[in-house]
N, C-alpha and C. Protein backbone atom coordinates (compact mmCIF):
# COMPACT_ATOMS: atom_id res chain seq x y z
N MET A 1 163.97 206.96 -71.56
CA MET A 1 163.36 206.01 -71.25
C MET A 1 164.39 205.41 -70.21
N ALA A 2 164.68 204.19 -70.10
CA ALA A 2 165.66 203.62 -69.75
C ALA A 2 165.44 202.20 -68.96
N ASP A 3 166.11 201.46 -69.78
CA ASP A 3 166.04 199.71 -69.60
C ASP A 3 167.22 199.45 -68.46
N VAL A 4 166.63 198.96 -67.52
CA VAL A 4 167.58 197.81 -66.56
C VAL A 4 166.95 196.59 -66.75
N LYS A 5 168.59 195.88 -67.09
CA LYS A 5 168.39 194.64 -66.58
C LYS A 5 169.48 193.51 -66.06
N ILE A 6 168.66 192.63 -64.84
CA ILE A 6 169.36 192.11 -63.43
C ILE A 6 169.67 190.77 -63.97
N ASN A 7 171.38 191.14 -64.18
CA ASN A 7 172.04 189.97 -64.57
C ASN A 7 172.25 188.64 -63.48
N ASP A 8 171.78 187.69 -64.17
CA ASP A 8 172.45 186.43 -63.15
C ASP A 8 173.58 186.67 -62.84
N ASN A 9 173.85 186.15 -61.03
CA ASN A 9 174.96 186.23 -60.75
C ASN A 9 175.25 187.36 -60.95
N GLY A 10 175.36 188.34 -61.17
CA GLY A 10 175.98 190.12 -61.21
C GLY A 10 174.82 191.11 -60.98
N PRO A 11 175.07 192.35 -61.69
CA PRO A 11 174.93 193.41 -61.04
C PRO A 11 173.68 193.73 -61.97
N TYR A 12 172.91 195.34 -61.32
CA TYR A 12 172.04 195.29 -62.41
C TYR A 12 173.01 196.37 -63.64
N VAL A 13 172.05 196.37 -64.77
CA VAL A 13 172.78 197.06 -65.85
C VAL A 13 171.92 198.42 -66.21
N ILE A 14 171.77 199.25 -66.17
CA ILE A 14 171.63 200.38 -66.68
C ILE A 14 171.47 201.05 -67.94
N SER A 15 170.50 201.34 -68.51
CA SER A 15 170.52 201.76 -69.91
C SER A 15 169.75 203.10 -70.29
N GLY A 16 170.21 204.05 -70.89
CA GLY A 16 169.94 204.43 -71.48
C GLY A 16 169.34 205.94 -70.51
N ASP A 17 168.29 206.82 -70.87
CA ASP A 17 168.40 208.41 -69.67
C ASP A 17 167.56 208.04 -68.78
N VAL A 18 168.91 208.15 -67.61
CA VAL A 18 168.63 208.11 -66.26
C VAL A 18 170.04 209.42 -65.42
N THR A 19 169.82 209.50 -64.53
CA THR A 19 170.05 209.95 -63.14
C THR A 19 170.14 209.37 -62.72
N ILE A 20 171.72 209.01 -61.35
CA ILE A 20 171.73 208.11 -61.19
C ILE A 20 172.00 209.52 -59.30
N VAL A 21 171.08 208.75 -58.50
CA VAL A 21 171.36 210.40 -56.79
C VAL A 21 171.19 209.14 -55.82
N ASP A 22 171.58 210.05 -54.66
CA ASP A 22 171.96 209.10 -53.61
C ASP A 22 170.55 208.85 -53.15
N ALA A 23 170.31 208.93 -51.49
CA ALA A 23 169.14 209.07 -50.31
C ALA A 23 168.88 210.81 -50.34
N GLU A 24 170.17 211.18 -50.24
CA GLU A 24 169.46 212.94 -50.22
C GLU A 24 169.84 213.60 -51.23
N GLY A 25 169.47 213.15 -52.81
CA GLY A 25 169.21 213.63 -53.70
C GLY A 25 170.57 214.33 -54.51
N ASN A 26 171.78 213.72 -54.24
CA ASN A 26 173.06 214.25 -54.51
C ASN A 26 173.43 212.88 -56.13
N LYS A 27 173.75 213.70 -56.59
CA LYS A 27 174.04 213.09 -58.60
C LYS A 27 175.45 212.37 -58.33
N PHE A 28 175.38 211.06 -58.48
CA PHE A 28 176.58 210.31 -58.80
C PHE A 28 177.33 210.60 -60.15
N SER A 29 178.40 210.75 -60.15
CA SER A 29 179.31 211.50 -61.63
C SER A 29 178.87 210.36 -62.57
N TRP A 30 178.79 209.99 -63.43
CA TRP A 30 179.34 208.95 -64.69
C TRP A 30 178.99 209.17 -66.28
N THR A 31 179.79 208.36 -66.96
CA THR A 31 179.94 208.73 -68.94
C THR A 31 179.32 207.31 -68.59
N GLY A 32 178.72 207.46 -70.29
CA GLY A 32 178.49 206.22 -71.10
C GLY A 32 176.99 206.14 -70.85
N SER A 33 176.96 205.31 -71.61
CA SER A 33 175.37 204.95 -71.93
C SER A 33 174.98 203.90 -71.11
N ALA A 34 175.46 203.47 -70.70
CA ALA A 34 175.41 202.10 -69.65
C ALA A 34 176.02 202.36 -68.06
N ALA A 35 175.54 201.56 -67.22
CA ALA A 35 175.98 202.20 -65.57
C ALA A 35 175.76 200.45 -64.99
N ALA A 36 176.83 199.97 -64.49
CA ALA A 36 176.52 198.81 -63.26
C ALA A 36 176.62 199.01 -62.43
N LEU A 37 174.79 198.95 -61.40
CA LEU A 37 174.92 199.01 -60.27
C LEU A 37 175.14 197.40 -59.25
N CYS A 38 175.72 197.88 -58.17
CA CYS A 38 176.45 196.56 -57.46
C CYS A 38 175.18 195.70 -57.28
N ARG A 39 174.99 194.60 -57.48
CA ARG A 39 173.43 193.81 -56.15
C ARG A 39 174.68 193.01 -55.10
N CYS A 40 175.49 192.54 -54.36
CA CYS A 40 176.26 191.65 -53.71
C CYS A 40 176.44 192.64 -52.68
N GLY A 41 176.82 193.68 -52.35
CA GLY A 41 176.84 194.64 -51.48
C GLY A 41 178.16 194.20 -51.26
N GLN A 42 178.75 194.16 -52.11
CA GLN A 42 180.41 193.63 -51.62
C GLN A 42 181.54 195.00 -52.74
N SER A 43 181.27 195.66 -53.55
CA SER A 43 181.91 196.24 -54.35
C SER A 43 182.81 197.39 -53.31
N ASP A 44 184.10 197.21 -54.04
CA ASP A 44 184.68 198.83 -53.43
C ASP A 44 184.03 200.33 -53.90
N ASN A 45 183.12 199.72 -54.94
CA ASN A 45 183.04 201.66 -56.10
C ASN A 45 181.19 201.38 -55.52
N LYS A 46 180.97 201.45 -54.81
CA LYS A 46 179.53 201.36 -54.52
C LYS A 46 178.87 202.45 -55.15
N PRO A 47 177.83 202.69 -55.85
CA PRO A 47 176.90 201.80 -56.00
C PRO A 47 177.09 201.23 -57.56
N PHE A 48 178.09 201.41 -57.70
CA PHE A 48 179.24 200.95 -59.33
C PHE A 48 179.13 199.41 -58.63
N CYS A 49 179.43 198.63 -59.69
CA CYS A 49 180.02 197.05 -59.55
C CYS A 49 181.43 197.37 -60.15
N ASP A 50 182.11 196.25 -59.17
CA ASP A 50 183.70 196.15 -59.55
C ASP A 50 183.80 194.83 -59.91
N GLY A 51 183.77 194.14 -59.91
CA GLY A 51 183.15 192.78 -60.08
C GLY A 51 183.41 191.79 -59.31
N THR A 52 183.31 192.12 -57.94
CA THR A 52 183.75 191.59 -56.72
C THR A 52 182.72 189.82 -56.72
N HIS A 53 181.51 190.41 -56.60
CA HIS A 53 180.49 188.77 -56.76
C HIS A 53 180.77 188.51 -57.45
N ARG A 54 182.22 187.95 -58.06
CA ARG A 54 182.08 187.52 -59.05
C ARG A 54 184.21 186.21 -57.46
N LYS A 55 184.10 187.27 -56.96
CA LYS A 55 184.94 186.45 -55.90
C LYS A 55 184.54 186.12 -54.91
N VAL A 56 183.11 186.52 -54.30
CA VAL A 56 182.07 186.43 -53.13
C VAL A 56 181.69 185.05 -53.26
N GLY A 57 181.19 184.95 -54.73
CA GLY A 57 180.45 184.02 -54.94
C GLY A 57 179.19 184.42 -55.18
N PHE A 58 178.52 185.77 -55.06
CA PHE A 58 176.89 186.01 -55.53
C PHE A 58 175.88 185.00 -56.18
N SER A 59 175.04 184.81 -55.34
CA SER A 59 174.49 183.86 -56.16
C SER A 59 172.77 184.23 -56.16
N SER A 60 172.26 184.92 -57.54
CA SER A 60 171.21 185.22 -57.85
C SER A 60 170.67 185.02 -59.31
N GLU A 61 169.35 184.16 -59.30
CA GLU A 61 168.37 184.37 -60.25
C GLU A 61 167.08 184.71 -60.81
N PRO A 62 166.59 185.75 -59.95
CA PRO A 62 165.40 186.31 -60.37
C PRO A 62 164.68 186.16 -61.56
N ARG A 63 163.37 185.51 -61.38
CA ARG A 63 162.78 186.09 -62.58
C ARG A 63 161.42 186.41 -62.43
N PRO A 64 160.94 186.76 -63.49
CA PRO A 64 159.35 187.09 -62.87
C PRO A 64 158.84 186.08 -62.80
N GLU A 65 157.10 186.15 -61.89
CA GLU A 65 155.99 185.35 -61.73
C GLU A 65 155.31 185.50 -62.63
């Protein structure tokens, strides 16, 4: 099972047993126990976060209703 944490003003962090694929079903290569996925759309390493959200002032703090 995978867990997804939505960081305030930052990336989605996925941990656990997960495979990341694009719209055509191609698998992204990554290693480790967690992956940070870009939410701001400005990363030079999409779909992964490279910290650019801090430079561009990305702001989002979603909460469940």
